[in-house]
Amino acid sequence: MCSIDNENNRTVANSSLILINENTLSFKVHRSKLSEKDFQNIFNTTSSLWEKSKEYEFEIPERIPLNQSIINRLQSKNSSLFISPGTYPIKVTNDLFIITFNLE
């Protein structure tokens, strides 16, 4: 679902990754460009059953390594980065779904 454009290091068609600091990564997905399949993967429900007022979380069951090209494009000082396992709240705005991950 996420790839990073080489030109500006962080922009993609339907999502973006932003390295907030060496311990925090923000994943932003444009609501209007999210496929139904991706919606179900993120929210564990269909868009027709989604409730705007409900709080949703995204679970990472185990440590996920970021590949070297993503690390380079994010301009991280670390040679390796991992998304920490945990349950992360999904922030909802008018245009975006935002998940902020902890990094190791």
PDB file of N, CA and C in Angstrom:
ATOM      1  N   MET A   1       0.814  -1.190   0.000  1.00  0.00           N
ATOM      2  CA  MET A   1       0.000   0.000   0.000  1.00  0.00           C
ATOM      3  C   MET A   1       0.857   1.252   0.000  1.00  0.00           C
ATOM      4  N   CYS A   2       2.048   1.184   0.519  1.00  0.00           N
ATOM      5  CA  CYS A   2       2.845   2.392   0.636  1.00  0.00           C
ATOM      6  C   CYS A   2       4.155   2.272  -0.117  1.00  0.00           C
ATOM      7  N   SER A   3       4.386   3.224  -0.969  1.00  0.00           N
ATOM      8  CA  SER A   3       5.699   3.363  -1.577  1.00  0.00           C
ATOM      9  C   SER A   3       6.071   4.829  -1.466  1.00  0.00           C
ATOM     10  N   ILE A   4       7.319   5.133  -1.654  1.00  0.00           N
ATOM     11  CA  ILE A   4       7.776   6.502  -1.450  1.00  0.00           C
ATOM     12  C   ILE A   4       8.393   7.022  -2.731  1.00  0.00           C
ATOM     13  N   ASP A   5       7.995   8.191  -3.117  1.00  0.00           N
ATOM     14  CA  ASP A   5       8.505   8.847  -4.311  1.00  0.00           C
ATOM     15  C   ASP A   5       9.929   9.341  -4.055  1.00  0.00           C
ATOM     16  N   ASN A   6      10.846   9.030  -4.969  1.00  0.00           N
ATOM     17  CA  ASN A   6      12.245   9.435  -4.816  1.00  0.00           C
ATOM     18  C   ASN A   6      12.435  10.949  -4.832  1.00  0.00           C
ATOM     19  N   GLU A   7      11.582  11.646  -5.546  1.00  0.00           N
ATOM     20  CA  GLU A   7      11.807  13.062  -5.755  1.00  0.00           C
ATOM     21  C   GLU A   7      11.733  13.884  -4.471  1.00  0.00           C
ATOM     22  N   ASN A   8      10.719  13.635  -3.655  1.00  0.00           N
ATOM     23  CA  ASN A   8      10.624  14.445  -2.439  1.00  0.00           C
ATOM     24  C   ASN A   8      10.715  13.615  -1.173  1.00  0.00           C
ATOM     25  N   ASN A   9      11.065  12.353  -1.299  1.00  0.00           N
ATOM     26  CA  ASN A   9      11.346  11.447  -0.196  1.00  0.00           C
ATOM     27  C   ASN A   9      10.140  10.978   0.600  1.00  0.00           C
ATOM     28  N   ARG A  10       8.990  11.610   0.471  1.00  0.00           N
ATOM     29  CA  ARG A  10       7.902  11.216   1.348  1.00  0.00           C
ATOM     30  C   ARG A  10       6.529  11.143   0.690  1.00  0.00           C
ATOM     31  N   THR A  11       6.373  11.557  -0.533  1.00  0.00           N
ATOM     32  CA  THR A  11       5.052  11.645  -1.125  1.00  0.00           C
ATOM     33  C   THR A  11       4.725  10.419  -1.959  1.00  0.00           C
ATOM     34  N   VAL A  12       3.475   9.955  -1.866  1.00  0.00           N
ATOM     35  CA  VAL A  12       2.996   8.841  -2.670  1.00  0.00           C
ATOM     36  C   VAL A  12       1.588   9.141  -3.131  1.00  0.00           C
ATOM     37  N   ALA A  13       1.063   8.275  -3.983  1.00  0.00           N
ATOM     38  CA  ALA A  13      -0.271   8.487  -4.539  1.00  0.00           C
ATOM     39  C   ALA A  13      -1.364   8.465  -3.475  1.00  0.00           C
ATOM     40  N   ASN A  14      -1.352   7.457  -2.598  1.00  0.00           N
ATOM     41  CA  ASN A  14      -2.447   7.365  -1.629  1.00  0.00           C
ATOM     42  C   ASN A  14      -1.996   7.451  -0.180  1.00  0.00           C
ATOM     43  N   SER A  15      -0.701   7.544   0.044  1.00  0.00           N
ATOM     44  CA  SER A  15      -0.225   7.567   1.426  1.00  0.00           C
ATOM     45  C   SER A  15       1.149   8.213   1.507  1.00  0.00           C
ATOM     46  N   SER A  16       1.565   8.497   2.734  1.00  0.00           N
ATOM     47  CA  SER A  16       2.902   9.037   2.945  1.00  0.00           C
ATOM     48  C   SER A  16       3.455   8.545   4.270  1.00  0.00           C
ATOM     49  N   LEU A  17       4.765   8.460   4.323  1.00  0.00           N
ATOM     50  CA  LEU A  17       5.489   8.139   5.545  1.00  0.00           C
ATOM     51  C   LEU A  17       6.311   9.359   5.913  1.00  0.00           C
ATOM     52  N   ILE A  18       6.244   9.747   7.172  1.00  0.00           N
ATOM     53  CA  ILE A  18       7.015  10.892   7.632  1.00  0.00           C
ATOM     54  C   ILE A  18       7.761  10.479   8.889  1.00  0.00           C
ATOM     55  N   LEU A  19       9.066  10.615   8.861  1.00  0.00           N
ATOM     56  CA  LEU A  19       9.884  10.329  10.029  1.00  0.00           C
ATOM     57  C   LEU A  19       9.809  11.545  10.945  1.00  0.00           C
ATOM     58  N   ILE A  20       9.061  11.411  12.040  1.00  0.00           N
ATOM     59  CA  ILE A  20       8.898  12.518  12.986  1.00  0.00           C
ATOM     60  C   ILE A  20      10.217  12.745  13.730  1.00  0.00           C
ATOM     61  N   ASN A  21      10.783  11.654  14.222  1.00  0.00           N
ATOM     62  CA  ASN A  21      12.113  11.640  14.820  1.00  0.00           C
ATOM     63  C   ASN A  21      12.619  10.209  14.694  1.00  0.00           C
ATOM     64  N   GLU A  22      13.773   9.906  15.216  1.00  0.00           N
ATOM     65  CA  GLU A  22      14.350   8.570  15.031  1.00  0.00           C
ATOM     66  C   GLU A  22      13.563   7.478  15.757  1.00  0.00           C
ATOM     67  N   ASN A  23      12.578   7.867  16.575  1.00  0.00           N
ATOM     68  CA  ASN A  23      11.771   6.898  17.322  1.00  0.00           C
ATOM     69  C   ASN A  23      10.306   6.878  16.915  1.00  0.00           C
ATOM     70  N   THR A  24       9.910   7.736  15.965  1.00  0.00           N
ATOM     71  CA  THR A  24       8.496   7.879  15.630  1.00  0.00           C
ATOM     72  C   THR A  24       8.308   8.044  14.125  1.00  0.00           C
ATOM     73  N   LEU A  25       7.376   7.268  13.575  1.00  0.00           N
ATOM     74  CA  LEU A  25       7.058   7.297  12.150  1.00  0.00           C
ATOM     75  C   LEU A  25       5.562   7.514  11.987  1.00  0.00           C
ATOM     76  N   SER A  26       5.182   8.478  11.175  1.00  0.00           N
ATOM     77  CA  SER A  26       3.774   8.755  10.910  1.00  0.00           C
ATOM     78  C   SER A  26       3.400   8.205   9.535  1.00  0.00           C
ATOM     79  N   PHE A  27       2.308   7.459   9.496  1.00  0.00           N
ATOM     80  CA  PHE A  27       1.788   6.884   8.253  1.00  0.00           C
ATOM     81  C   PHE A  27       0.447   7.545   7.985  1.00  0.00           C
ATOM     82  N   LYS A  28       0.348   8.272   6.886  1.00  0.00           N
ATOM     83  CA  LYS A  28      -0.873   8.995   6.535  1.00  0.00           C
ATOM     84  C   LYS A  28      -1.444   8.416   5.252  1.00  0.00           C
ATOM     85  N   VAL A  29      -2.750   8.124   5.284  1.00  0.00           N
ATOM     86  CA  VAL A  29      -3.435   7.560   4.123  1.00  0.00           C
ATOM     87  C   VAL A  29      -4.579   8.497   3.745  1.00  0.00           C
ATOM     88  N   HIS A  30      -4.647   8.871   2.485  1.00  0.00           N
ATOM     89  CA  HIS A  30      -5.741   9.713   2.001  1.00  0.00           C
ATOM     90  C   HIS A  30      -7.026   8.884   1.951  1.00  0.00           C
ATOM     91  N   ARG A  31      -8.034   9.329   2.654  1.00  0.00           N
ATOM     92  CA  ARG A  31      -9.291   8.576   2.767  1.00  0.00           C
ATOM     93  C   ARG A  31      -9.924   8.302   1.410  1.00  0.00           C
ATOM     94  N   SER A  32      -9.941   9.290   0.547  1.00  0.00           N
ATOM     95  CA  SER A  32     -10.620   9.143  -0.741  1.00  0.00           C
ATOM     96  C   SER A  32      -9.898   8.197  -1.693  1.00  0.00           C
ATOM     97  N   LYS A  33      -8.627   7.906  -1.421  1.00  0.00           N
ATOM     98  CA  LYS A  33      -7.842   7.059  -2.318  1.00  0.00           C
ATOM     99  C   LYS A  33      -7.601   5.662  -1.764  1.00  0.00           C
ATOM    100  N   LEU A  34      -8.255   5.331  -0.662  1.00  0.00           N
ATOM    101  CA  LEU A  34      -8.063   4.035  -0.026  1.00  0.00           C
ATOM    102  C   LEU A  34      -8.990   3.003  -0.659  1.00  0.00           C
ATOM    103  N   SER A  35      -8.430   1.902  -1.130  1.00  0.00           N
ATOM    104  CA  SER A  35      -9.255   0.841  -1.719  1.00  0.00           C
ATOM    105  C   SER A  35     -10.054   0.142  -0.626  1.00  0.00           C
ATOM    106  N   GLU A  36     -11.107  -0.527  -1.014  1.00  0.00           N
ATOM    107  CA  GLU A  36     -11.929  -1.261  -0.045  1.00  0.00           C
ATOM    108  C   GLU A  36     -11.104  -2.338   0.655  1.00  0.00           C
ATOM    109  N   LYS A  37     -10.257  -3.017  -0.089  1.00  0.00           N
ATOM    110  CA  LYS A  37      -9.412  -4.066   0.508  1.00  0.00           C
ATOM    111  C   LYS A  37      -8.465  -3.474   1.547  1.00  0.00           C
ATOM    112  N   ASP A  38      -7.816  -2.360   1.214  1.00  0.00           N
ATOM    113  CA  ASP A  38      -6.925  -1.715   2.172  1.00  0.00           C
ATOM    114  C   ASP A  38      -7.704  -1.198   3.381  1.00  0.00           C
ATOM    115  N   PHE A  39      -8.895  -0.675   3.145  1.00  0.00           N
ATOM    116  CA  PHE A  39      -9.749  -0.211   4.239  1.00  0.00           C
ATOM    117  C   PHE A  39     -10.020  -1.353   5.213  1.00  0.00           C
ATOM    118  N   GLN A  40     -10.372  -2.513   4.680  1.00  0.00           N
ATOM    119  CA  GLN A  40     -10.642  -3.680   5.524  1.00  0.00           C
ATOM    120  C   GLN A  40      -9.390  -4.128   6.271  1.00  0.00           C
ATOM    121  N   ASN A  41      -8.228  -4.063   5.633  1.00  0.00           N
ATOM    122  CA  ASN A  41      -6.979  -4.443   6.297  1.00  0.00           C
ATOM    123  C   ASN A  41      -6.650  -3.521   7.467  1.00  0.00           C
ATOM    124  N   ILE A  42      -6.926  -2.247   7.319  1.00  0.00           N
ATOM    125  CA  ILE A  42      -6.618  -1.281   8.368  1.00  0.00           C
ATOM    126  C   ILE A  42      -7.651  -1.317   9.491  1.00  0.00           C
ATOM    127  N   PHE A  43      -8.939  -1.313   9.132  1.00  0.00           N
ATOM    128  CA  PHE A  43      -9.999  -1.166  10.131  1.00  0.00           C
ATOM    129  C   PHE A  43     -10.670  -2.471  10.541  1.00  0.00           C
ATOM    130  N   ASN A  44     -10.370  -3.539   9.838  1.00  0.00           N
ATOM    131  CA  ASN A  44     -10.972  -4.834  10.153  1.00  0.00           C
ATOM    132  C   ASN A  44     -12.496  -4.804  10.010  1.00  0.00           C
ATOM    133  N   THR A  45     -12.986  -3.956   9.108  1.00  0.00           N
ATOM    134  CA  THR A  45     -14.408  -3.857   8.796  1.00  0.00           C
ATOM    135  C   THR A  45     -14.538  -3.246   7.401  1.00  0.00           C
ATOM    136  N   THR A  46     -15.721  -3.299   6.832  1.00  0.00           N
ATOM    137  CA  THR A  46     -15.940  -2.683   5.521  1.00  0.00           C
ATOM    138  C   THR A  46     -16.250  -1.201   5.695  1.00  0.00           C
ATOM    139  N   SER A  47     -16.040  -0.437   4.647  1.00  0.00           N
ATOM    140  CA  SER A  47     -16.317   0.996   4.734  1.00  0.00           C
ATOM    141  C   SER A  47     -17.800   1.267   4.969  1.00  0.00           C
ATOM    142  N   SER A  48     -18.666   0.381   4.499  1.00  0.00           N
ATOM    143  CA  SER A  48     -20.103   0.583   4.704  1.00  0.00           C
ATOM    144  C   SER A  48     -20.515   0.367   6.160  1.00  0.00           C
ATOM    145  N   LEU A  49     -19.736  -0.426   6.910  1.00  0.00           N
ATOM    146  CA  LEU A  49     -20.043  -0.676   8.323  1.00  0.00           C
ATOM    147  C   LEU A  49     -19.218   0.191   9.269  1.00  0.00           C
ATOM    148  N   TRP A  50     -18.311   0.975   8.711  1.00  0.00           N
ATOM    149  CA  TRP A  50     -17.432   1.813   9.516  1.00  0.00           C
ATOM    150  C   TRP A  50     -18.223   2.897  10.225  1.00  0.00           C
ATOM    151  N   GLU A  51     -17.931   3.103  11.501  1.00  0.00           N
ATOM    152  CA  GLU A  51     -18.599   4.133  12.292  1.00  0.00           C
ATOM    153  C   GLU A  51     -17.604   5.244  12.594  1.00  0.00           C
ATOM    154  N   LYS A  52     -17.905   6.434  12.134  1.00  0.00           N
ATOM    155  CA  LYS A  52     -16.983   7.558  12.292  1.00  0.00           C
ATOM    156  C   LYS A  52     -16.704   7.869  13.757  1.00  0.00           C
ATOM    157  N   SER A  53     -17.701   7.715  14.611  1.00  0.00           N
ATOM    158  CA  SER A  53     -17.534   8.077  16.018  1.00  0.00           C
ATOM    159  C   SER A  53     -16.771   7.026  16.827  1.00  0.00           C
ATOM    160  N   LYS A  54     -16.632   5.827  16.285  1.00  0.00           N
ATOM    161  CA  LYS A  54     -15.940   4.755  16.995  1.00  0.00           C
ATOM    162  C   LYS A  54     -14.428   4.971  16.938  1.00  0.00           C
ATOM    163  N   GLU A  55     -13.739   4.567  18.005  1.00  0.00           N
ATOM    164  CA  GLU A  55     -12.280   4.645  18.014  1.00  0.00           C
ATOM    165  C   GLU A  55     -11.717   3.343  17.464  1.00  0.00           C
ATOM    166  N   TYR A  56     -10.796   3.458  16.513  1.00  0.00           N
ATOM    167  CA  TYR A  56     -10.190   2.287  15.883  1.00  0.00           C
ATOM    168  C   TYR A  56      -8.708   2.226  16.216  1.00  0.00           C
ATOM    169  N   GLU A  57      -8.201   1.008  16.212  1.00  0.00           N
ATOM    170  CA  GLU A  57      -6.788   0.789  16.482  1.00  0.00           C
ATOM    171  C   GLU A  57      -6.213  -0.145  15.432  1.00  0.00           C
ATOM    172  N   PHE A  58      -4.920  -0.015  15.213  1.00  0.00           N
ATOM    173  CA  PHE A  58      -4.208  -0.857  14.265  1.00  0.00           C
ATOM    174  C   PHE A  58      -3.174  -1.644  15.053  1.00  0.00           C
ATOM    175  N   GLU A  59      -3.231  -2.962  14.947  1.00  0.00           N
ATOM    176  CA  GLU A  59      -2.336  -3.804  15.736  1.00  0.00           C
ATOM    177  C   GLU A  59      -1.154  -4.299  14.909  1.00  0.00           C
ATOM    178  N   ILE A  60       0.019  -4.170  15.480  1.00  0.00           N
ATOM    179  CA  ILE A  60       1.249  -4.732  14.919  1.00  0.00           C
ATOM    180  C   ILE A  60       1.660  -5.845  15.885  1.00  0.00           C
ATOM    181  N   PRO A  61       1.453  -7.118  15.509  1.00  0.00           N
ATOM    182  CA  PRO A  61       1.707  -8.211  16.447  1.00  0.00           C
ATOM    183  C   PRO A  61       3.186  -8.494  16.708  1.00  0.00           C
ATOM    184  N   GLU A  62       4.027  -8.174  15.734  1.00  0.00           N
ATOM    185  CA  GLU A  62       5.460  -8.427  15.924  1.00  0.00           C
ATOM    186  C   GLU A  62       6.265  -7.337  15.235  1.00  0.00           C
ATOM    187  N   ARG A  63       7.485  -7.216  15.619  1.00  0.00           N
ATOM    188  CA  ARG A  63       8.411  -6.224  15.080  1.00  0.00           C
ATOM    189  C   ARG A  63       8.495  -6.325  13.554  1.00  0.00           C
ATOM    190  N   ILE A  64       8.380  -5.190  12.865  1.00  0.00           N
ATOM    191  CA  ILE A  64       8.426  -5.168  11.398  1.00  0.00           C
ATOM    192  C   ILE A  64       9.628  -4.338  10.948  1.00  0.00           C
ATOM    193  N   PRO A  65      10.552  -4.953  10.199  1.00  0.00           N
ATOM    194  CA  PRO A  65      11.703  -4.181   9.709  1.00  0.00           C
ATOM    195  C   PRO A  65      11.301  -3.293   8.529  1.00  0.00           C
ATOM    196  N   LEU A  66      11.855  -2.092   8.492  1.00  0.00           N
ATOM    197  CA  LEU A  66      11.694  -1.236   7.317  1.00  0.00           C
ATOM    198  C   LEU A  66      12.842  -1.556   6.377  1.00  0.00           C
ATOM    199  N   ASN A  67      12.530  -1.663   5.085  1.00  0.00           N
ATOM    200  CA  ASN A  67      13.616  -1.994   4.160  1.00  0.00           C
ATOM    201  C   ASN A  67      14.544  -0.793   3.979  1.00  0.00           C
ATOM    202  N   GLN A  68      15.734  -1.085   3.512  1.00  0.00           N
ATOM    203  CA  GLN A  68      16.783  -0.070   3.439  1.00  0.00           C
ATOM    204  C   GLN A  68      16.414   1.098   2.538  1.00  0.00           C
ATOM    205  N   SER A  69      15.696   0.845   1.457  1.00  0.00           N
ATOM    206  CA  SER A  69      15.328   1.955   0.566  1.00  0.00           C
ATOM    207  C   SER A  69      14.378   2.929   1.266  1.00  0.00           C
ATOM    208  N   ILE A  70      13.469   2.422   2.085  1.00  0.00           N
ATOM    209  CA  ILE A  70      12.575   3.311   2.846  1.00  0.00           C
ATOM    210  C   ILE A  70      13.379   4.094   3.876  1.00  0.00           C
ATOM    211  N   ILE A  71      14.274   3.419   4.582  1.00  0.00           N
ATOM    212  CA  ILE A  71      15.112   4.100   5.576  1.00  0.00           C
ATOM    213  C   ILE A  71      15.907   5.221   4.911  1.00  0.00           C
ATOM    214  N   ASN A  72      16.486   4.942   3.757  1.00  0.00           N
ATOM    215  CA  ASN A  72      17.255   5.961   3.028  1.00  0.00           C
ATOM    216  C   ASN A  72      16.379   7.119   2.593  1.00  0.00           C
ATOM    217  N   ARG A  73      15.212   6.826   2.082  1.00  0.00           N
ATOM    218  CA  ARG A  73      14.321   7.882   1.591  1.00  0.00           C
ATOM    219  C   ARG A  73      13.750   8.726   2.725  1.00  0.00           C
ATOM    220  N   LEU A  74      13.629   8.127   3.891  1.00  0.00           N
ATOM    221  CA  LEU A  74      13.186   8.887   5.059  1.00  0.00           C
ATOM    222  C   LEU A  74      14.320   9.726   5.643  1.00  0.00           C
ATOM    223  N   GLN A  75      15.510   9.508   5.132  1.00  0.00           N
ATOM    224  CA  GLN A  75      16.713  10.219   5.562  1.00  0.00           C
ATOM    225  C   GLN A  75      17.006   9.993   7.040  1.00  0.00           C
ATOM    226  N   SER A  76      16.810   8.746   7.469  1.00  0.00           N
ATOM    227  CA  SER A  76      17.104   8.378   8.851  1.00  0.00           C
ATOM    228  C   SER A  76      18.607   8.251   9.057  1.00  0.00           C
ATOM    229  N   LYS A  77      19.047   8.564  10.254  1.00  0.00           N
ATOM    230  CA  LYS A  77      20.458   8.401  10.616  1.00  0.00           C
ATOM    231  C   LYS A  77      20.765   6.951  10.976  1.00  0.00           C
ATOM    232  N   ASN A  78      19.726   6.169  11.242  1.00  0.00           N
ATOM    233  CA  ASN A  78      19.900   4.762  11.617  1.00  0.00           C
ATOM    234  C   ASN A  78      20.053   3.887  10.384  1.00  0.00           C
ATOM    235  N   SER A  79      20.871   2.865  10.499  1.00  0.00           N
ATOM    236  CA  SER A  79      21.047   1.935   9.377  1.00  0.00           C
ATOM    237  C   SER A  79      19.955   0.871   9.350  1.00  0.00           C
ATOM    238  N   SER A  80      19.263   0.688  10.478  1.00  0.00           N
ATOM    239  CA  SER A  80      18.122  -0.232  10.507  1.00  0.00           C
ATOM    240  C   SER A  80      17.043   0.350  11.406  1.00  0.00           C
ATOM    241  N   LEU A  81      15.802   0.158  11.004  1.00  0.00           N
ATOM    242  CA  LEU A  81      14.650   0.618  11.778  1.00  0.00           C
ATOM    243  C   LEU A  81      13.591  -0.469  11.772  1.00  0.00           C
ATOM    244  N   PHE A  82      12.892  -0.583  12.887  1.00  0.00           N
ATOM    245  CA  PHE A  82      11.810  -1.548  13.027  1.00  0.00           C
ATOM    246  C   PHE A  82      10.599  -0.843  13.617  1.00  0.00           C
ATOM    247  N   ILE A  83       9.413  -1.190  13.114  1.00  0.00           N
ATOM    248  CA  ILE A  83       8.184  -0.736  13.753  1.00  0.00           C
ATOM    249  C   ILE A  83       7.965  -1.644  14.954  1.00  0.00           C
ATOM    250  N   SER A  84       7.788  -1.032  16.119  1.00  0.00           N
ATOM    251  CA  SER A  84       7.604  -1.797  17.350  1.00  0.00           C
ATOM    252  C   SER A  84       6.232  -2.454  17.384  1.00  0.00           C
ATOM    253  N   PRO A  85       6.156  -3.677  17.938  1.00  0.00           N
ATOM    254  CA  PRO A  85       4.847  -4.298  18.097  1.00  0.00           C
ATOM    255  C   PRO A  85       4.005  -3.482  19.079  1.00  0.00           C
ATOM    256  N   GLY A  86       2.705  -3.511  18.863  1.00  0.00           N
ATOM    257  CA  GLY A  86       1.811  -2.789  19.764  1.00  0.00           C
ATOM    258  C   GLY A  86       0.496  -2.481  19.091  1.00  0.00           C
ATOM    259  N   THR A  87      -0.355  -1.815  19.836  1.00  0.00           N
ATOM    260  CA  THR A  87      -1.653  -1.382  19.332  1.00  0.00           C
ATOM    261  C   THR A  87      -1.610   0.133  19.206  1.00  0.00           C
ATOM    262  N   TYR A  88      -1.880   0.620  18.001  1.00  0.00           N
ATOM    263  CA  TYR A  88      -1.747   2.037  17.697  1.00  0.00           C
ATOM    264  C   TYR A  88      -3.107   2.632  17.335  1.00  0.00           C
ATOM    265  N   PRO A  89      -3.483   3.762  17.966  1.00  0.00           N
ATOM    266  CA  PRO A  89      -4.749   4.409  17.607  1.00  0.00           C
ATOM    267  C   PRO A  89      -4.687   4.975  16.191  1.00  0.00           C
ATOM    268  N   ILE A  90      -5.829   4.960  15.524  1.00  0.00           N
ATOM    269  CA  ILE A  90      -5.942   5.543  14.188  1.00  0.00           C
ATOM    270  C   ILE A  90      -6.644   6.889  14.335  1.00  0.00           C
ATOM    271  N   LYS A  91      -5.934   7.959  14.006  1.00  0.00           N
ATOM    272  CA  LYS A  91      -6.514   9.297  14.043  1.00  0.00           C
ATOM    273  C   LYS A  91      -7.239   9.529  12.720  1.00  0.00           C
ATOM    274  N   VAL A  92      -8.443  10.079  12.800  1.00  0.00           N
ATOM    275  CA  VAL A  92      -9.252  10.320  11.609  1.00  0.00           C
ATOM    276  C   VAL A  92      -9.453  11.824  11.444  1.00  0.00           C
ATOM    277  N   THR A  93      -9.100  12.340  10.257  1.00  0.00           N
ATOM    278  CA  THR A  93      -9.395  13.731   9.923  1.00  0.00           C
ATOM    279  C   THR A  93     -10.352  13.719   8.730  1.00  0.00           C
ATOM    280  N   ASN A  94     -10.724  14.882   8.250  1.00  0.00           N
ATOM    281  CA  ASN A  94     -11.617  14.940   7.086  1.00  0.00           C
ATOM    282  C   ASN A  94     -11.015  14.271   5.866  1.00  0.00           C
ATOM    283  N   ASP A  95      -9.692  14.362   5.714  1.00  0.00           N
ATOM    284  CA  ASP A  95      -9.031  13.853   4.516  1.00  0.00           C
ATOM    285  C   ASP A  95      -8.153  12.631   4.733  1.00  0.00           C
ATOM    286  N   LEU A  96      -7.743  12.397   5.978  1.00  0.00           N
ATOM    287  CA  LEU A  96      -6.705  11.395   6.230  1.00  0.00           C
ATOM    288  C   LEU A  96      -7.043  10.424   7.354  1.00  0.00           C
ATOM    289  N   PHE A  97      -6.421   9.262   7.265  1.00  0.00           N
ATOM    290  CA  PHE A  97      -6.287   8.343   8.387  1.00  0.00           C
ATOM    291  C   PHE A  97      -4.808   8.406   8.749  1.00  0.00           C
ATOM    292  N   ILE A  98      -4.504   8.583  10.033  1.00  0.00           N
ATOM    293  CA  ILE A  98      -3.116   8.737  10.456  1.00  0.00           C
ATOM    294  C   ILE A  98      -2.806   7.739  11.566  1.00  0.00           C
ATOM    295  N   ILE A  99      -1.728   6.994  11.378  1.00  0.00           N
ATOM    296  CA  ILE A  99      -1.245   6.075  12.404  1.00  0.00           C
ATOM    297  C   ILE A  99       0.196   6.476  12.705  1.00  0.00           C
ATOM    298  N   THR A 100       0.493   6.680  13.970  1.00  0.00           N
ATOM    299  CA  THR A 100       1.846   7.036  14.374  1.00  0.00           C
ATOM    300  C   THR A 100       2.465   5.846  15.094  1.00  0.00           C
ATOM    301  N   PHE A 101       3.546   5.330  14.515  1.00  0.00           N
ATOM    302  CA  PHE A 101       4.206   4.126  15.022  1.00  0.00           C
ATOM    303  C   PHE A 101       5.451   4.475  15.829  1.00  0.00           C
ATOM    304  N   ASN A 102       5.730   3.637  16.820  1.00  0.00           N
ATOM    305  CA  ASN A 102       6.998   3.712  17.546  1.00  0.00           C
ATOM    306  C   ASN A 102       8.030   2.892  16.785  1.00  0.00           C
ATOM    307  N   LEU A 103       9.253   3.398  16.757  1.00  0.00           N
ATOM    308  CA  LEU A 103      10.344   2.712  16.064  1.00  0.00           C
ATOM    309  C   LEU A 103      11.399   2.239  17.052  1.00  0.00           C
ATOM    310  N   GLU A 104      12.081   1.181  16.660  1.00  0.00           N
ATOM    311  CA  GLU A 104      13.212   0.668  17.442  1.00  0.00           C
ATOM    312  C   GLU A 104      14.453   0.748  16.572  1.00  0.00           C
TER     313      GLU A 104
END
